[in-house]
Every structure is written in structure tokens, then in C-alpha cells.
Amino acid sequence: MNESETYGLQFQTPRLQSAYKVQRCKQPLLAKTESQKTYINAIKNHCLTFGTGPAGTGKSYCAAAIAADALLSGSISRIILTRPAVEAGEQFGFLPGDVNEKYAVYIEAIRDTLS
């Protein structure tokens, strides 16, 4: 895939059945750490923000929650999810399935936040 190619990912694969049901929270997003507070403020006050840090620190969740709120309020008309086209330790070419199935693993958590 070169830089000019764009793929519209369609995630219509059936979800796995699970006893776990995500609890939807209707409260506003509140930072749990000082770093999250800085990150949330950066997202709200700048047109482009890069979030870096270890897994599990809330980067994707905070960004998705803010995007969902902006979409519902009408201040934006769509959400575009992106991922680098370069491998960062992963070997996408060796994963089974088509491009949608390969990226589904990385996008599913954001979809859960947006649903």
C-alpha cells in the first residue's frame, strides 16, 4: 500500500458472544491521572494531538470518547480512524484474512468506545 491509497474498513463480521457486557457510562469524561488531564486538554485545544505512552493508559479511550462527544454535539460530522501503514513490530502480511480482518484487532476497542 502506498501513501496515496485509502481503504474504507468495513467491520461487519459477527461479534463473539460473551458473558461480559460493556457498561455504558453517561457521565462526562474525567481524567484519572495528571497525564490524562494534559492529554484531554491538548485534544480539546489543538487541531492535532499525538498521544504516546504505554498500553492501558487511556490514550485510545480518551480520544474516542472526545470524538464521540463531538460527533453527537454536531461540532464534527465524521470520525476518521487511522493507523500507520508501516509495521512497528507487527507482521500484518502474515496475519490471516483480508485487510479488514487484519486491522479489526486494533480498531475493535475504539469501536466499543464509540458504540
N, C-alpha and C. Protein backbone atom coordinates (compact mmCIF):
# COMPACT_ATOMS: atom_id res chain seq x y z
N MET A 1 0.86 -1.18 0.00
CA MET A 1 0.00 0.00 0.00
C MET A 1 0.90 1.23 0.00
N ASN A 2 0.67 2.15 -0.92
CA ASN A 2 1.46 3.38 -0.91
C ASN A 2 0.69 4.47 -0.19
N GLU A 3 1.33 5.63 -0.04
CA GLU A 3 0.74 6.71 0.77
C GLU A 3 -0.56 7.24 0.20
N SER A 4 -0.78 7.12 -1.10
CA SER A 4 -1.99 7.69 -1.69
C SER A 4 -3.19 6.76 -1.65
N GLU A 5 -2.99 5.51 -1.21
CA GLU A 5 -4.10 4.57 -1.15
C GLU A 5 -4.89 4.74 0.14
N THR A 6 -6.19 4.66 0.02
CA THR A 6 -7.07 4.74 1.18
C THR A 6 -8.01 3.55 1.15
N TYR A 7 -8.19 2.92 2.28
CA TYR A 7 -9.09 1.78 2.37
C TYR A 7 -10.21 2.13 3.34
N GLY A 8 -11.43 1.88 2.95
CA GLY A 8 -12.56 2.01 3.85
C GLY A 8 -12.77 0.67 4.53
N LEU A 9 -12.49 0.60 5.81
CA LEU A 9 -12.59 -0.67 6.51
C LEU A 9 -14.03 -0.91 6.95
N GLN A 10 -14.53 -2.08 6.62
CA GLN A 10 -15.89 -2.45 6.98
C GLN A 10 -15.83 -3.58 8.00
N PHE A 11 -16.36 -3.37 9.16
CA PHE A 11 -16.33 -4.38 10.21
C PHE A 11 -17.72 -4.94 10.40
N GLN A 12 -18.08 -5.86 9.54
CA GLN A 12 -19.40 -6.47 9.62
C GLN A 12 -19.31 -7.93 10.02
N THR A 13 -18.15 -8.31 10.54
CA THR A 13 -18.01 -9.68 10.99
C THR A 13 -18.80 -9.85 12.28
N PRO A 14 -19.42 -11.01 12.48
CA PRO A 14 -20.20 -11.21 13.70
C PRO A 14 -19.30 -11.13 14.93
N ARG A 15 -19.79 -10.47 15.95
CA ARG A 15 -19.03 -10.34 17.19
C ARG A 15 -19.13 -11.64 17.98
N LEU A 16 -18.09 -11.92 18.71
CA LEU A 16 -18.10 -13.10 19.55
C LEU A 16 -19.10 -12.92 20.68
N GLN A 17 -19.79 -13.97 21.00
CA GLN A 17 -20.72 -13.92 22.12
C GLN A 17 -19.92 -14.00 23.41
N SER A 18 -20.29 -13.20 24.37
CA SER A 18 -19.55 -13.16 25.62
C SER A 18 -20.50 -12.89 26.77
N ALA A 19 -20.13 -13.38 27.93
CA ALA A 19 -20.93 -13.10 29.12
C ALA A 19 -20.66 -11.68 29.61
N TYR A 20 -19.59 -11.08 29.13
CA TYR A 20 -19.22 -9.72 29.54
C TYR A 20 -19.96 -8.71 28.71
N LYS A 21 -20.62 -7.78 29.36
CA LYS A 21 -21.32 -6.70 28.67
C LYS A 21 -20.70 -5.39 29.11
N VAL A 22 -20.29 -4.58 28.16
CA VAL A 22 -19.68 -3.29 28.47
C VAL A 22 -20.72 -2.38 29.09
N GLN A 23 -20.41 -1.81 30.22
CA GLN A 23 -21.30 -0.86 30.88
C GLN A 23 -21.11 0.52 30.24
N ARG A 24 -22.18 1.10 29.78
CA ARG A 24 -22.12 2.44 29.18
C ARG A 24 -22.21 3.48 30.27
N CYS A 25 -21.31 4.42 30.22
CA CYS A 25 -21.26 5.47 31.23
C CYS A 25 -21.80 6.76 30.61
N LYS A 26 -22.76 7.36 31.22
CA LYS A 26 -23.35 8.60 30.69
C LYS A 26 -22.71 9.84 31.30
N GLN A 27 -21.75 9.65 32.20
CA GLN A 27 -21.08 10.79 32.82
C GLN A 27 -20.03 11.36 31.89
N PRO A 28 -19.68 12.63 32.06
CA PRO A 28 -18.63 13.22 31.22
C PRO A 28 -17.28 12.55 31.49
N LEU A 29 -16.42 12.62 30.50
CA LEU A 29 -15.08 12.05 30.62
C LEU A 29 -14.28 12.86 31.63
N LEU A 30 -13.77 12.17 32.64
CA LEU A 30 -12.92 12.80 33.65
C LEU A 30 -11.56 12.13 33.66
N ALA A 31 -10.51 12.92 33.70
CA ALA A 31 -9.16 12.39 33.73
C ALA A 31 -8.92 11.68 35.06
N LYS A 32 -8.25 10.53 35.00
CA LYS A 32 -7.92 9.79 36.21
C LYS A 32 -6.51 10.09 36.68
N THR A 33 -5.68 10.62 35.78
CA THR A 33 -4.31 10.97 36.14
C THR A 33 -4.00 12.36 35.61
N GLU A 34 -2.91 12.92 36.07
CA GLU A 34 -2.49 14.24 35.59
C GLU A 34 -2.11 14.17 34.10
N SER A 35 -1.53 13.06 33.68
CA SER A 35 -1.17 12.89 32.26
C SER A 35 -2.41 12.84 31.39
N GLN A 36 -3.45 12.15 31.84
CA GLN A 36 -4.71 12.13 31.09
C GLN A 36 -5.31 13.53 31.01
N LYS A 37 -5.24 14.28 32.08
CA LYS A 37 -5.77 15.64 32.08
C LYS A 37 -5.06 16.49 31.03
N THR A 38 -3.74 16.38 30.98
CA THR A 38 -2.95 17.11 29.98
C THR A 38 -3.32 16.68 28.57
N TYR A 39 -3.48 15.37 28.38
CA TYR A 39 -3.83 14.81 27.08
C TYR A 39 -5.21 15.27 26.63
N ILE A 40 -6.19 15.20 27.50
CA ILE A 40 -7.56 15.62 27.18
C ILE A 40 -7.60 17.10 26.83
N ASN A 41 -6.90 17.92 27.61
CA ASN A 41 -6.84 19.35 27.31
C ASN A 41 -6.17 19.61 25.97
N ALA A 42 -5.12 18.85 25.65
CA ALA A 42 -4.45 19.02 24.37
C ALA A 42 -5.39 18.69 23.21
N ILE A 43 -6.14 17.59 23.35
CA ILE A 43 -7.09 17.21 22.30
C ILE A 43 -8.15 18.29 22.11
N LYS A 44 -8.65 18.82 23.21
CA LYS A 44 -9.73 19.81 23.12
C LYS A 44 -9.25 21.17 22.63
N ASN A 45 -7.96 21.49 22.81
CA ASN A 45 -7.46 22.82 22.50
C ASN A 45 -6.58 22.91 21.26
N HIS A 46 -6.29 21.78 20.63
CA HIS A 46 -5.43 21.79 19.45
C HIS A 46 -6.08 20.95 18.35
N CYS A 47 -5.82 21.31 17.10
CA CYS A 47 -6.44 20.57 16.00
C CYS A 47 -5.75 19.23 15.74
N LEU A 48 -4.53 19.03 16.22
CA LEU A 48 -3.82 17.78 16.03
C LEU A 48 -3.05 17.46 17.30
N THR A 49 -3.27 16.27 17.83
CA THR A 49 -2.59 15.84 19.05
C THR A 49 -2.11 14.42 18.87
N PHE A 50 -0.87 14.17 19.21
CA PHE A 50 -0.32 12.82 19.20
C PHE A 50 -0.23 12.34 20.63
N GLY A 51 -0.83 11.19 20.90
CA GLY A 51 -0.75 10.60 22.24
C GLY A 51 0.22 9.44 22.23
N THR A 52 1.22 9.50 23.08
CA THR A 52 2.19 8.42 23.17
C THR A 52 2.25 7.94 24.60
N GLY A 53 2.62 6.70 24.76
CA GLY A 53 2.75 6.15 26.10
C GLY A 53 2.45 4.68 26.12
N PRO A 54 2.62 4.06 27.27
CA PRO A 54 2.41 2.62 27.36
C PRO A 54 0.95 2.23 27.17
N ALA A 55 0.76 0.96 26.82
CA ALA A 55 -0.59 0.42 26.65
C ALA A 55 -1.36 0.49 27.96
N GLY A 56 -2.66 0.73 27.85
CA GLY A 56 -3.52 0.72 29.03
C GLY A 56 -3.60 2.03 29.78
N THR A 57 -3.08 3.10 29.21
CA THR A 57 -3.11 4.39 29.91
C THR A 57 -4.27 5.27 29.49
N GLY A 58 -5.12 4.79 28.59
CA GLY A 58 -6.33 5.53 28.22
C GLY A 58 -6.20 6.41 27.00
N LYS A 59 -5.14 6.27 26.23
CA LYS A 59 -4.96 7.13 25.06
C LYS A 59 -6.10 6.97 24.06
N SER A 60 -6.36 5.74 23.65
CA SER A 60 -7.42 5.50 22.67
C SER A 60 -8.79 5.79 23.24
N TYR A 61 -9.02 5.40 24.49
CA TYR A 61 -10.33 5.62 25.11
C TYR A 61 -10.65 7.11 25.20
N CYS A 62 -9.71 7.90 25.69
CA CYS A 62 -9.95 9.34 25.83
C CYS A 62 -10.21 9.98 24.47
N ALA A 63 -9.40 9.65 23.48
CA ALA A 63 -9.57 10.22 22.14
C ALA A 63 -10.91 9.82 21.55
N ALA A 64 -11.29 8.55 21.68
CA ALA A 64 -12.56 8.08 21.12
C ALA A 64 -13.75 8.71 21.85
N ALA A 65 -13.66 8.85 23.16
CA ALA A 65 -14.77 9.45 23.93
C ALA A 65 -14.95 10.92 23.54
N ILE A 66 -13.86 11.64 23.38
CA ILE A 66 -13.96 13.05 22.97
C ILE A 66 -14.50 13.15 21.54
N ALA A 67 -14.07 12.26 20.66
CA ALA A 67 -14.57 12.26 19.29
C ALA A 67 -16.07 11.94 19.25
N ALA A 68 -16.50 10.97 20.04
CA ALA A 68 -17.92 10.61 20.07
C ALA A 68 -18.76 11.77 20.58
N ASP A 69 -18.28 12.46 21.59
CA ASP A 69 -18.99 13.61 22.12
C ASP A 69 -19.10 14.72 21.07
N ALA A 70 -18.00 14.96 20.36
CA ALA A 70 -18.02 16.00 19.31
C ALA A 70 -18.97 15.62 18.18
N LEU A 71 -19.03 14.33 17.84
CA LEU A 71 -19.94 13.87 16.79
C LEU A 71 -21.39 14.04 17.23
N LEU A 72 -21.69 13.65 18.45
CA LEU A 72 -23.06 13.78 18.95
C LEU A 72 -23.51 15.23 19.10
N SER A 73 -22.57 16.11 19.44
CA SER A 73 -22.92 17.52 19.60
C SER A 73 -23.02 18.25 18.26
N GLY A 74 -22.55 17.61 17.18
CA GLY A 74 -22.63 18.24 15.87
C GLY A 74 -21.43 19.11 15.53
N SER A 75 -20.43 19.17 16.39
CA SER A 75 -19.28 20.00 16.09
C SER A 75 -18.34 19.36 15.06
N ILE A 76 -18.50 18.06 14.83
CA ILE A 76 -17.83 17.38 13.72
C ILE A 76 -18.86 16.51 13.02
N SER A 77 -18.58 16.15 11.76
CA SER A 77 -19.55 15.37 11.00
C SER A 77 -19.13 13.92 10.79
N ARG A 78 -17.87 13.60 11.06
CA ARG A 78 -17.43 12.22 10.94
C ARG A 78 -16.15 12.01 11.74
N ILE A 79 -15.89 10.75 12.02
CA ILE A 79 -14.68 10.35 12.73
C ILE A 79 -13.87 9.48 11.78
N ILE A 80 -12.62 9.79 11.62
CA ILE A 80 -11.74 9.01 10.75
C ILE A 80 -10.69 8.34 11.63
N LEU A 81 -10.68 7.01 11.61
CA LEU A 81 -9.69 6.25 12.35
C LEU A 81 -8.52 5.95 11.43
N THR A 82 -7.31 6.20 11.88
CA THR A 82 -6.14 5.92 11.06
C THR A 82 -5.15 5.08 11.84
N ARG A 83 -4.29 4.45 11.11
CA ARG A 83 -3.21 3.66 11.70
C ARG A 83 -2.04 3.75 10.74
N PRO A 84 -0.81 3.82 11.26
CA PRO A 84 0.34 3.91 10.35
C PRO A 84 0.39 2.73 9.38
N ALA A 85 0.80 3.00 8.16
CA ALA A 85 0.92 1.95 7.16
C ALA A 85 2.23 1.19 7.30
N VAL A 86 3.08 1.62 8.20
CA VAL A 86 4.35 0.93 8.43
C VAL A 86 4.22 -0.02 9.60
N GLU A 87 4.94 -1.11 9.54
CA GLU A 87 4.91 -2.08 10.62
C GLU A 87 5.78 -1.60 11.76
N ALA A 88 5.29 -1.75 12.96
CA ALA A 88 6.04 -1.37 14.15
C ALA A 88 6.20 -2.61 15.02
N GLY A 89 6.84 -3.62 14.45
CA GLY A 89 7.00 -4.88 15.18
C GLY A 89 5.96 -5.91 14.77
N GLU A 90 4.82 -5.45 14.23
CA GLU A 90 3.79 -6.39 13.80
C GLU A 90 4.11 -6.84 12.39
N GLN A 91 3.61 -7.99 12.01
CA GLN A 91 3.79 -8.51 10.66
C GLN A 91 2.39 -8.71 10.07
N PHE A 92 1.75 -7.62 9.62
CA PHE A 92 0.39 -7.70 9.11
C PHE A 92 0.26 -8.66 7.94
N GLY A 93 1.27 -8.72 7.08
CA GLY A 93 1.19 -9.57 5.91
C GLY A 93 1.03 -11.03 6.25
N PHE A 94 1.47 -11.44 7.42
CA PHE A 94 1.40 -12.84 7.80
C PHE A 94 0.15 -13.19 8.59
N LEU A 95 -0.63 -12.18 8.96
CA LEU A 95 -1.88 -12.46 9.66
C LEU A 95 -2.89 -13.02 8.66
N PRO A 96 -3.74 -13.94 9.10
CA PRO A 96 -4.75 -14.48 8.18
C PRO A 96 -5.84 -13.45 7.88
N GLY A 97 -6.47 -13.59 6.74
CA GLY A 97 -7.61 -12.74 6.40
C GLY A 97 -7.25 -11.58 5.51
N ASP A 98 -8.31 -10.82 5.18
CA ASP A 98 -8.13 -9.65 4.32
C ASP A 98 -7.77 -8.44 5.18
N VAL A 99 -7.64 -7.28 4.54
CA VAL A 99 -7.20 -6.07 5.24
C VAL A 99 -8.15 -5.71 6.39
N ASN A 100 -9.46 -5.92 6.20
CA ASN A 100 -10.42 -5.61 7.27
C ASN A 100 -10.19 -6.49 8.49
N GLU A 101 -9.96 -7.75 8.27
CA GLU A 101 -9.75 -8.68 9.38
C GLU A 101 -8.43 -8.42 10.09
N LYS A 102 -7.41 -8.01 9.36
CA LYS A 102 -6.11 -7.73 9.95
C LYS A 102 -6.15 -6.51 10.87
N TYR A 103 -6.89 -5.50 10.48
CA TYR A 103 -6.96 -4.28 11.28
C TYR A 103 -8.05 -4.32 12.34
N ALA A 104 -8.97 -5.26 12.25
CA ALA A 104 -10.09 -5.33 13.20
C ALA A 104 -9.60 -5.43 14.64
N VAL A 105 -8.52 -6.16 14.86
CA VAL A 105 -7.96 -6.32 16.21
C VAL A 105 -7.61 -4.98 16.82
N TYR A 106 -7.09 -4.06 16.02
CA TYR A 106 -6.63 -2.77 16.52
C TYR A 106 -7.75 -1.75 16.62
N ILE A 107 -8.80 -1.91 15.84
CA ILE A 107 -9.88 -0.94 15.80
C ILE A 107 -11.03 -1.31 16.73
N GLU A 108 -11.14 -2.57 17.11
CA GLU A 108 -12.29 -3.05 17.89
C GLU A 108 -12.47 -2.29 19.20
N ALA A 109 -11.40 -2.00 19.91
CA ALA A 109 -11.52 -1.30 21.20
C ALA A 109 -12.09 0.10 20.99
N ILE A 110 -11.71 0.76 19.93
CA ILE A 110 -12.25 2.10 19.64
C ILE A 110 -13.72 1.99 19.24
N ARG A 111 -14.07 0.97 18.46
CA ARG A 111 -15.48 0.76 18.10
C ARG A 111 -16.33 0.54 19.35
N ASP A 112 -15.81 -0.21 20.32
CA ASP A 112 -16.55 -0.43 21.56
C ASP A 112 -16.79 0.88 22.30
N THR A 113 -15.82 1.76 22.29
CA THR A 113 -15.97 3.06 22.94
C THR A 113 -17.00 3.91 22.23
N LEU A 114 -17.04 3.83 20.92
CA LEU A 114 -17.97 4.66 20.13
C LEU A 114 -19.38 4.11 20.10
N SER A 115 -19.58 2.84 20.41
CA SER A 115 -20.92 2.27 20.31
C SER A 115 -21.75 2.48 21.56
